[in-house]
Protein backbone atom coordinates (compact mmCIF):
# COMPACT_ATOMS: atom_id res chain seq x y z
CA MET A 1 -33.60 10.88 -17.59
CA LEU A 2 -31.57 7.92 -16.31
CA ASP A 3 -31.49 6.47 -19.81
CA ARG A 4 -30.11 9.70 -21.27
CA LEU A 5 -27.61 10.23 -18.44
CA PHE A 6 -26.19 6.70 -18.35
CA GLU A 7 -26.98 5.39 -21.87
CA LEU A 8 -28.91 2.42 -20.46
CA SER A 9 -30.68 1.33 -23.63
CA GLY A 10 -27.59 1.99 -25.75
CA ARG A 11 -25.68 -0.54 -23.66
CA GLY A 12 -28.53 -3.04 -23.52
CA SER A 13 -29.30 -2.55 -19.86
CA ASP A 14 -32.10 -1.30 -17.62
CA VAL A 15 -32.51 0.15 -14.14
CA GLY A 16 -33.18 -3.21 -12.50
CA ARG A 17 -30.01 -4.79 -13.85
CA GLU A 18 -27.93 -1.80 -12.84
CA VAL A 19 -29.32 -1.76 -9.30
CA ARG A 20 -28.71 -5.49 -8.87
CA GLY A 21 -25.23 -5.15 -10.34
CA GLY A 22 -24.39 -2.18 -8.12
CA ILE A 23 -25.52 -3.98 -4.97
CA THR A 24 -23.58 -7.10 -5.98
CA THR A 25 -20.38 -5.12 -6.57
CA PHE A 26 -20.81 -3.49 -3.16
CA MET A 27 -21.28 -6.82 -1.41
CA ALA A 28 -18.28 -8.31 -3.23
CA MET A 29 -15.97 -5.42 -2.29
CA ALA A 30 -17.40 -4.36 1.09
CA TYR A 31 -14.75 -6.44 2.83
CA ILE A 32 -12.19 -3.72 2.01
CA ILE A 33 -13.87 -1.39 4.52
CA LEU A 34 -12.79 -3.82 7.23
CA LEU A 35 -9.62 -5.26 5.69
CA ASN A 36 -7.92 -1.99 4.72
CA PRO A 37 -7.96 -0.64 8.31
CA ILE A 38 -6.54 -3.94 9.57
CA ILE A 39 -3.63 -3.78 7.09
CA LEU A 40 -2.79 -0.13 7.72
CA ALA A 41 -3.31 -0.30 11.49
CA GLY A 42 -1.04 -3.33 11.66
CA ALA A 43 2.03 -1.23 10.80
CA HIS A 44 3.69 1.76 12.40
CA ASP A 45 5.56 4.68 10.87
CA VAL A 46 9.15 5.79 11.44
CA THR A 47 8.15 7.48 14.71
CA GLY A 48 6.35 4.39 16.01
CA ALA A 49 2.91 5.94 15.53
CA LYS A 50 -0.02 3.71 14.54
CA LEU A 51 -3.34 4.60 12.92
CA THR A 52 -6.61 3.70 14.65
CA ILE A 53 -9.13 1.23 13.26
CA GLY A 54 -12.11 3.57 13.77
CA GLN A 55 -10.61 6.48 11.86
CA LEU A 56 -9.29 4.21 9.12
CA THR A 57 -12.72 2.61 8.67
CA THR A 58 -14.30 6.03 8.18
CA SER A 59 -11.57 7.14 5.78
CA THR A 60 -11.77 3.92 3.77
CA ALA A 61 -15.55 4.14 3.33
CA LEU A 62 -15.46 7.88 2.56
CA ALA A 63 -12.75 7.59 -0.09
CA ALA A 64 -14.42 4.57 -1.70
CA ALA A 65 -17.80 6.31 -1.87
CA VAL A 66 -16.40 9.53 -3.36
CA SER A 67 -14.22 7.71 -5.89
CA THR A 68 -16.99 5.35 -7.02
CA LEU A 69 -19.51 8.17 -7.45
CA LEU A 70 -16.96 10.10 -9.52
CA MET A 71 -16.61 7.05 -11.74
CA ALA A 72 -20.39 6.88 -12.07
CA PHE A 73 -20.94 10.43 -13.25
CA VAL A 74 -17.66 11.14 -15.06
CA GLY A 75 -16.69 7.77 -16.48
CA ASN A 76 -20.19 6.21 -16.78
CA ALA A 77 -18.64 2.82 -16.08
CA PRO A 78 -19.75 -0.01 -13.75
CA PHE A 79 -16.60 0.13 -11.64
CA GLY A 80 -16.34 0.29 -7.88
CA LEU A 81 -13.23 1.96 -6.48
CA ALA A 82 -11.61 1.62 -3.07
CA ALA A 83 -8.24 1.25 -1.38
CA GLY A 84 -6.22 -1.12 -3.53
CA LEU A 85 -4.91 -4.32 -1.98
CA GLY A 86 -1.18 -4.47 -2.48
CA LEU A 87 -1.02 -0.69 -2.68
CA ASN A 88 -2.05 -0.41 0.97
CA ALA A 89 0.53 -3.01 1.99
CA LEU A 90 3.17 -1.09 0.05
CA VAL A 91 2.26 2.09 1.92
CA ALA A 92 2.22 0.30 5.27
CA TYR A 93 5.39 -1.77 4.95
CA GLN A 94 7.56 -0.02 2.35
CA ALA A 95 6.79 3.67 2.92
CA ALA A 96 5.75 4.07 6.57
CA PRO A 97 8.93 2.52 8.08
CA TYR A 98 10.94 5.38 6.54
CA MET A 99 8.58 8.34 7.04
CA THR A 100 5.53 9.49 8.98
CA TRP A 101 2.04 8.40 8.04
CA ALA A 102 1.25 11.90 6.75
CA GLN A 103 4.33 11.80 4.54
CA ALA A 104 3.51 8.29 3.28
CA MET A 105 0.02 9.48 2.34
CA GLY A 106 1.68 12.45 0.62
CA LEU A 107 3.38 9.97 -1.73
CA VAL A 108 -0.05 8.45 -2.39
CA VAL A 109 -1.31 11.90 -3.40
CA LEU A 110 1.67 12.30 -5.74
CA GLU A 111 0.94 8.85 -7.21
CA GLY A 112 -2.58 10.00 -8.05
CA VAL A 113 -1.28 13.25 -9.56
CA VAL A 114 1.17 11.39 -11.81
CA ILE A 115 -1.58 9.06 -13.02
CA ILE A 116 -3.87 12.05 -13.66
CA VAL A 117 -1.14 13.70 -15.75
CA LEU A 118 -0.63 10.49 -17.73
CA ALA A 119 -4.38 10.25 -18.31
CA VAL A 120 -4.99 13.92 -19.20
CA THR A 121 -2.07 14.01 -21.64
CA GLY A 122 -3.46 10.90 -23.32
CA LEU A 123 -0.29 8.90 -22.70
CA ARG A 124 -2.08 6.33 -20.56
CA THR A 125 -4.73 5.83 -23.25
CA LEU A 126 -2.01 5.43 -25.88
CA ILE A 127 -0.29 2.78 -23.78
CA MET A 128 -3.53 0.85 -23.30
CA ASN A 129 -4.35 1.05 -27.00
CA ALA A 130 -0.82 -0.04 -27.95
CA ILE A 131 -1.30 -3.41 -26.26
CA PRO A 132 -2.38 -6.03 -28.85
CA LEU A 133 -6.03 -7.05 -28.76
CA ALA A 134 -5.25 -10.73 -28.12
CA LEU A 135 -3.10 -9.75 -25.15
CA LYS A 136 -6.01 -7.71 -23.79
CA HIS A 137 -8.19 -10.82 -23.96
CA ALA A 138 -5.44 -12.71 -22.12
CA ILE A 139 -5.51 -10.03 -19.43
CA SER A 140 -9.24 -10.69 -19.02
CA VAL A 141 -8.64 -14.42 -18.65
CA GLY A 142 -5.79 -13.85 -16.19
CA ILE A 143 -7.95 -11.57 -14.08
CA GLY A 144 -10.65 -14.23 -14.12
CA LEU A 145 -8.25 -16.79 -12.69
CA PHE A 146 -6.88 -14.22 -10.26
CA ILE A 147 -10.23 -13.24 -8.77
CA ALA A 148 -11.31 -16.89 -8.64
CA LEU A 149 -8.17 -17.65 -6.62
CA VAL A 150 -8.85 -14.63 -4.40
CA GLY A 151 -12.33 -16.01 -3.73
CA LEU A 152 -11.06 -19.53 -3.00
CA VAL A 153 -8.36 -18.24 -0.65
CA ASP A 154 -10.66 -15.78 1.13
CA ALA A 155 -13.13 -18.59 1.78
CA GLY A 156 -10.45 -20.95 3.10
CA PHE A 157 -11.16 -23.45 0.31
CA VAL A 158 -7.53 -23.11 -0.77
CA THR A 159 -4.69 -22.41 1.68
CA ALA A 160 -0.90 -22.37 1.74
CA GLY A 161 0.28 -25.94 2.08
CA SER A 162 3.00 -27.38 4.28
CA GLY A 163 4.57 -29.56 1.57
CA THR A 164 3.02 -27.85 -1.45
CA PRO A 165 2.56 -24.19 -2.39
CA VAL A 166 -1.22 -24.54 -2.04
CA GLN A 167 -3.60 -27.19 -0.79
CA LEU A 168 -7.27 -27.97 -0.37
CA GLY A 169 -8.58 -26.49 2.88
CA ALA A 170 -6.45 -25.91 5.95
CA THR A 171 -5.24 -29.51 6.26
CA GLY A 172 -5.37 -30.85 2.72
CA HIS A 173 -9.06 -31.65 3.20
CA LEU A 174 -12.19 -29.52 3.36
CA THR A 175 -13.08 -28.98 7.00
CA GLY A 176 -15.05 -26.48 9.06
CA TRP A 177 -18.36 -24.67 8.82
CA PRO A 178 -17.07 -21.61 6.89
CA VAL A 179 -15.79 -23.80 4.05
CA ALA A 180 -19.03 -25.80 4.05
CA ILE A 181 -21.05 -22.60 3.79
CA PHE A 182 -18.83 -21.37 0.97
CA CYS A 183 -19.42 -24.62 -0.93
CA PHE A 184 -23.17 -24.29 -0.36
CA GLY A 185 -23.13 -20.69 -1.58
CA LEU A 186 -21.07 -21.53 -4.66
CA LEU A 187 -23.29 -24.45 -5.66
CA LEU A 188 -26.43 -22.40 -5.05
CA MET A 189 -25.04 -19.56 -7.14
CA ILE A 190 -24.07 -21.89 -10.00
CA VAL A 191 -27.52 -23.51 -10.03
CA LEU A 192 -29.39 -20.20 -9.94
CA TYR A 193 -27.13 -18.66 -12.58
CA ALA A 194 -27.47 -21.71 -14.85
CA ARG A 195 -31.25 -21.47 -14.52
CA ARG A 196 -30.98 -17.76 -15.45
CA THR A 197 -32.66 -16.74 -12.20
CA PRO A 198 -32.85 -12.93 -11.92
CA ALA A 199 -30.35 -11.54 -9.38
CA ALA A 200 -28.77 -15.00 -9.05
CA ILE A 201 -25.48 -13.74 -7.62
CA LEU A 202 -27.05 -11.22 -5.26
CA LEU A 203 -29.71 -13.68 -4.09
CA SER A 204 -27.07 -16.34 -3.40
CA ILE A 205 -24.95 -13.93 -1.35
CA ALA A 206 -27.98 -12.90 0.71
CA VAL A 207 -29.16 -16.48 1.36
CA THR A 208 -25.65 -17.65 2.22
CA THR A 209 -25.14 -14.73 4.59
CA VAL A 210 -28.34 -15.55 6.47
CA LEU A 211 -27.22 -19.18 6.72
CA ALA A 212 -23.76 -18.12 7.95
CA VAL A 213 -25.27 -15.91 10.66
CA ALA A 214 -27.54 -18.75 11.80
CA VAL A 215 -24.74 -21.35 11.85
CA ASN A 216 -22.36 -19.01 13.68
CA SER A 217 -24.96 -18.38 16.38
CA LEU A 218 -25.78 -22.08 16.86
CA ALA A 219 -22.40 -23.79 16.45
CA THR A 220 -19.11 -23.34 18.29
CA ILE A 221 -16.81 -21.86 15.64
CA ASP A 222 -13.45 -20.17 15.97
CA PRO A 223 -14.12 -16.59 14.79
CA ARG A 224 -10.74 -16.54 13.01
CA SER A 225 -11.90 -19.26 10.64
CA TRP A 226 -14.39 -16.85 9.06
CA GLY A 227 -11.64 -14.48 7.98
CA VAL A 228 -11.98 -10.71 8.29
CA VAL A 229 -15.75 -10.71 8.84
CA THR A 230 -17.51 -12.91 11.39
CA PRO A 231 -21.20 -13.27 10.48
CA ARG A 232 -23.16 -12.10 13.48
CA MET A 233 -25.98 -9.69 14.07
CA PRO A 234 -24.48 -6.33 15.07
CA GLU A 235 -25.12 -4.93 18.54
CA SER A 236 -26.18 -1.64 16.99
CA LEU A 237 -27.05 -0.56 13.47
CA VAL A 238 -25.51 2.93 13.60
CA ALA A 239 -22.02 4.09 14.52
CA ALA A 240 -20.74 7.67 14.34
CA PRO A 241 -17.96 8.21 11.76
CA ASP A 242 -14.58 9.58 12.85
CA PHE A 243 -13.02 11.88 10.24
CA GLY A 244 -9.83 12.50 12.24
CA LEU A 245 -7.48 11.29 9.50
CA VAL A 246 -8.98 13.32 6.66
CA GLY A 247 -6.55 15.98 5.48
CA GLN A 248 -3.62 14.63 7.51
CA VAL A 249 -1.15 14.65 4.62
CA ASP A 250 2.36 15.98 3.95
CA VAL A 251 2.92 15.84 0.20
CA PHE A 252 6.70 16.33 -0.09
CA GLY A 253 7.88 15.58 3.44
CA GLY A 254 8.74 11.98 2.61
CA PHE A 255 11.58 13.05 0.32
CA VAL A 256 13.14 14.96 3.21
CA ARG A 257 12.56 12.34 5.91
CA ALA A 258 13.42 9.16 3.95
CA GLY A 259 15.75 10.60 1.32
CA GLY A 260 15.17 11.19 -2.38
CA LEU A 261 16.07 7.68 -3.58
CA THR A 262 13.89 5.77 -1.10
CA ALA A 263 10.91 8.07 -1.61
CA THR A 264 11.31 7.92 -5.41
CA VAL A 265 11.44 4.10 -5.39
CA VAL A 266 8.25 3.96 -3.31
CA LEU A 267 6.53 6.48 -5.59
CA PHE A 268 7.65 4.61 -8.73
CA THR A 269 6.34 1.32 -7.37
CA LEU A 270 3.03 2.93 -6.36
CA VAL A 271 2.57 4.51 -9.79
CA LEU A 272 3.46 1.37 -11.72
CA SER A 273 1.29 -0.94 -9.58
CA GLY A 274 -1.65 1.46 -9.58
CA PHE A 275 -1.28 2.16 -13.30
CA PHE A 276 -1.22 -1.38 -14.60
CA ASP A 277 -3.46 -2.99 -11.98
CA ALA A 278 -6.18 -0.53 -12.95
CA MET A 279 -5.42 -0.90 -16.64
CA GLY A 280 -5.74 -4.67 -16.49
CA THR A 281 -8.93 -4.47 -14.44
CA ILE A 282 -10.53 -1.88 -16.74
CA ILE A 283 -9.70 -3.92 -19.84
CA GLY A 284 -10.80 -7.23 -18.31
CA VAL A 285 -14.06 -6.09 -16.73
CA SER A 286 -15.00 -3.94 -19.75
CA ASP A 287 -14.34 -6.89 -22.04
CA GLU A 288 -16.54 -9.10 -19.89
CA ALA A 289 -19.28 -6.44 -19.96
CA GLY A 290 -19.12 -6.21 -23.75
CA LEU A 291 -18.13 -2.55 -23.61
CA VAL A 292 -15.06 -2.77 -25.87
CA ASP A 293 -15.17 -2.20 -29.62
CA GLU A 294 -13.74 -4.49 -32.28
CA ARG A 295 -10.28 -2.98 -31.72
CA GLY A 296 -10.44 -3.64 -27.99
CA ARG A 297 -10.97 0.00 -27.01
CA VAL A 298 -13.07 1.06 -24.04
CA PRO A 299 -15.58 3.94 -24.36
CA ARG A 300 -14.80 7.07 -22.33
CA LEU A 301 -11.43 5.58 -21.52
CA GLY A 302 -9.78 8.95 -20.95
CA ARG A 303 -12.37 9.92 -18.36
CA ILE A 304 -12.19 6.54 -16.65
CA LEU A 305 -8.42 6.75 -16.35
CA THR A 306 -8.58 10.32 -15.06
CA VAL A 307 -11.07 9.31 -12.37
CA ASP A 308 -8.76 6.46 -11.39
CA GLY A 309 -5.99 9.01 -10.86
CA VAL A 310 -8.26 11.33 -8.89
CA ALA A 311 -9.19 8.34 -6.73
CA GLY A 312 -5.52 7.96 -5.85
CA VAL A 313 -5.43 11.57 -4.66
CA VAL A 314 -8.66 11.06 -2.69
CA GLY A 315 -7.12 8.02 -1.00
CA GLY A 316 -4.06 10.01 0.03
CA VAL A 317 -6.01 12.99 1.33
CA THR A 318 -8.24 10.72 3.44
CA SER A 319 -5.28 8.60 4.63
CA SER A 320 -6.91 5.43 3.33
CA SER A 321 -4.12 4.61 0.84
CA ALA A 322 -4.40 4.77 -2.94
CA ASN A 323 -7.89 4.07 -4.27
CA THR A 324 -8.22 2.30 -7.59
CA VAL A 325 -10.68 0.33 -9.74
CA PHE A 326 -11.65 -2.88 -7.97
CA VAL A 327 -11.52 -6.18 -9.81
CA GLU A 328 -14.58 -7.24 -7.77
CA SER A 329 -16.55 -4.98 -10.12
CA ALA A 330 -16.66 -8.05 -12.32
CA ALA A 331 -19.18 -9.55 -9.88
CA GLY A 332 -21.57 -6.67 -10.59
CA VAL A 333 -20.99 -7.03 -14.33
CA GLY A 334 -21.87 -10.70 -14.00
CA GLU A 335 -25.17 -9.59 -12.47
CA GLY A 336 -25.88 -7.27 -15.41
CA ALA A 337 -24.16 -3.95 -14.62
CA ARG A 338 -23.15 -2.06 -17.76
CA THR A 339 -23.22 1.65 -16.89
CA GLY A 340 -22.37 4.23 -14.27
CA LEU A 341 -25.82 3.81 -12.70
CA ALA A 342 -24.53 0.63 -11.06
CA SER A 343 -21.64 2.67 -9.64
CA VAL A 344 -24.13 5.18 -8.24
CA VAL A 345 -25.73 2.33 -6.30
CA THR A 346 -22.35 0.97 -5.18
CA GLY A 347 -21.10 4.43 -4.19
CA ALA A 348 -24.29 5.22 -2.28
CA LEU A 349 -24.03 1.97 -0.32
CA LEU A 350 -20.36 2.65 0.43
CA GLY A 351 -21.40 6.09 1.67
CA LEU A 352 -24.08 4.59 3.88
CA THR A 353 -21.48 2.43 5.59
CA LEU A 354 -20.15 5.65 7.15
CA LEU A 355 -23.21 5.53 9.40
CA PHE A 356 -23.98 1.83 9.26
CA THR A 357 -20.48 0.44 9.70
CA PRO A 358 -21.77 -2.48 11.85
CA LEU A 359 -23.80 -3.79 8.89
CA ALA A 360 -20.65 -4.02 6.78
CA ALA A 361 -19.45 -6.63 9.27
CA VAL A 362 -22.27 -9.07 8.52
CA VAL A 363 -21.36 -10.56 5.10
CA PRO A 364 -18.47 -13.04 5.54
CA ALA A 365 -16.02 -14.08 2.85
CA ALA A 366 -17.77 -17.45 2.71
CA ALA A 367 -20.87 -15.68 1.36
CA ALA A 368 -19.23 -13.13 -0.96
CA ALA A 369 -16.38 -15.27 -2.34
CA PRO A 370 -18.59 -17.55 -4.50
CA ALA A 371 -19.37 -14.50 -6.68
CA LEU A 372 -15.67 -14.09 -7.43
CA VAL A 373 -15.29 -17.76 -8.35
CA LEU A 374 -18.32 -17.77 -10.65
CA VAL A 375 -17.35 -14.52 -12.36
CA GLY A 376 -13.82 -15.84 -12.76
CA ALA A 377 -15.25 -18.83 -14.59
CA LEU A 378 -17.29 -16.55 -16.85
CA MET A 379 -14.24 -14.40 -17.67
CA MET A 380 -12.36 -17.51 -18.78
CA THR A 381 -14.54 -17.59 -21.89
CA GLN A 382 -12.40 -14.76 -23.31
CA SER A 383 -9.64 -17.34 -23.87
CA ARG A 384 -11.39 -18.32 -27.09
CA ASN A 385 -10.28 -14.99 -28.57
CA VAL A 386 -6.56 -15.72 -28.08
CA PRO A 387 -4.92 -17.21 -31.23
CA TRP A 388 -3.28 -20.15 -29.45
CA GLU A 389 -1.96 -21.54 -32.72
CA ASP A 390 0.28 -18.47 -33.06
CA LEU A 391 3.22 -18.94 -30.69
CA GLU A 392 4.17 -15.27 -30.99
CA MET A 393 0.96 -14.48 -29.17
CA ALA A 394 0.33 -17.73 -27.31
CA VAL A 395 3.45 -17.55 -25.11
CA PRO A 396 2.92 -13.91 -23.97
CA ALA A 397 -0.77 -14.65 -23.43
CA PHE A 398 0.01 -17.73 -21.35
CA LEU A 399 2.50 -15.88 -19.15
CA THR A 400 0.00 -13.05 -18.68
CA ILE A 401 -2.71 -15.49 -17.64
CA ALA A 402 -0.52 -17.70 -15.45
CA LEU A 403 1.43 -15.08 -13.52
CA MET A 404 -1.59 -13.12 -12.33
CA PRO A 405 -2.88 -15.87 -10.02
CA PHE A 406 0.52 -17.47 -9.42
CA THR A 407 2.09 -14.22 -8.18
CA TYR A 408 -1.14 -12.70 -6.84
CA SER A 409 -0.58 -9.59 -8.96
CA ILE A 410 -2.26 -8.20 -12.07
CA THR A 411 0.75 -5.97 -12.68
CA ASN A 412 3.17 -8.92 -12.80
CA GLY A 413 1.04 -10.68 -15.39
CA VAL A 414 0.72 -7.63 -17.63
CA GLY A 415 4.46 -6.97 -17.36
CA ALA A 416 5.45 -10.51 -18.27
CA GLY A 417 3.11 -10.51 -21.25
CA VAL A 418 4.28 -7.17 -22.62
CA ILE A 419 7.99 -7.98 -22.23
CA THR A 420 7.76 -11.42 -23.89
CA TYR A 421 5.56 -10.12 -26.72
CA THR A 422 8.06 -7.37 -27.49
CA LEU A 423 11.02 -9.74 -27.20
CA ILE A 424 9.53 -12.43 -29.47
CA LYS A 425 8.54 -9.92 -32.15
CA ALA A 426 12.01 -8.34 -32.03
CA ALA A 427 13.76 -11.73 -32.17
CA ARG A 428 11.86 -12.54 -35.35
CA GLY A 429 12.71 -9.19 -36.91
CA LYS A 430 9.11 -7.92 -36.89
CA PHE A 431 10.00 -4.49 -35.55
CA SER A 432 7.20 -2.79 -37.51
CA GLN A 433 4.66 -4.74 -35.42
CA ILE A 434 6.00 -3.32 -32.16
CA PRO A 435 4.53 0.10 -31.29
CA TRP A 436 7.24 2.36 -29.89
CA LEU A 437 5.30 2.70 -26.66
CA LEU A 438 5.63 -1.04 -26.06
CA TRP A 439 9.41 -0.62 -26.06
CA VAL A 440 9.08 2.05 -23.40
CA VAL A 441 6.62 0.01 -21.34
CA SER A 442 8.83 -3.06 -21.60
CA LEU A 443 11.81 -1.11 -20.27
CA VAL A 444 9.67 0.26 -17.43
CA PHE A 445 8.58 -3.26 -16.51
CA LEU A 446 12.16 -4.51 -16.61
CA ALA A 447 13.01 -1.77 -14.13
CA TYR A 448 9.98 -2.76 -12.05
CA PHE A 449 10.97 -6.43 -11.87
CA GLY A 450 14.54 -5.44 -11.02
CA ILE A 451 13.64 -2.63 -8.60
CA SER A 452 15.37 -4.29 -5.64
CA ALA A 453 18.62 -4.75 -7.58
CA LEU A 454 18.48 -1.14 -8.79
CA GLN A 455 17.86 0.10 -5.28
CA ASN A 456 20.84 -1.85 -3.96
CA LEU A 457 22.99 -0.69 -6.85
CA PHE A 458 22.31 3.01 -6.36
CA GLY A 459 21.60 2.89 -2.64
């Protein structure tokens, strides 16, 4: 039954691989259940109101579980979904200062509706298919570098430097137990993966977590050095969920409170970031999973994109910010996930955190981050499919790859690649090689990069 429902054999997978992959994706993205509430609760709306951590934790877990299970059964893809980083900061610091929280979440609902319309009409699929295959491979490579940098930063292995943009450790040198445990976990994971040990990534995360808990209990360590999650045994295993924020949404009130221009700019930025972040992630992770055809197309793409839009609506209705496909899904793919069965496992575990929230606070970044670094290394292999000898493709591909980690944004990388590809082709008179949709997308990205200037001009 599982084989028929999720096409396991057709995708070269089995139940064991999917379960391991689903658990790995959960462990790699579980931090969002703690981090999203911290980001949203750290801001206040136009009235000075703040959201509570307890209610936000429930909303974040609920929205992530519902969205991921929808992806499992509708999209049959190994993608976990949750509140998108960057999107939540946009809601907290660009929307909330001009409107109430309910009105800000109303814009999130509208963002999801717009993305659903783009998906259902087929426009979003057309845009994805209009992007050249080599540029799609570059997106995969860029995402690999991006998630590797996310892992290194989360673990404290790389930090913002005083004299340089980034540096090794907090002082220019590797210091502290959390960084040491990260290094141990990364080396263990590399060794086990190189030896083709079953469940290498998952096993490494589990072993490293146990070590982190033991070290934290025996040594004197500043809890802040662990990041969002401090590895300690929880005082209790069960905590009652608080659904107080669910349904607290005002869909169109933001346009009245903040004004049409401000609300439209926020909505435009939400749609564009959610659209292309998800697009880049879907292409990159699907490519790594071997789910794309020879033309770079993803199976069931229309359904996957529709679910991504529905997830945005779910995030708004639950007040957890826009939910989207998580790039950490690549960790599960690295463990063998190929179908929606892995997402069933991930979604079920996210649902369980509604009751077992204390357990979500056990796995520190030092234990989960090595998975992102290793998977980032594996995704780099897609660079072999970029025709580097062709400057018309090499320059857009390079900018796509470089700007994702350098600007900490998938959207920025995709935008730079699309604009430069279109410009170079046009400059050489090869207009027939530029799909008309790429012209449209390029103009949209130009508006995106110049959004502040446009806002000042018309504000």
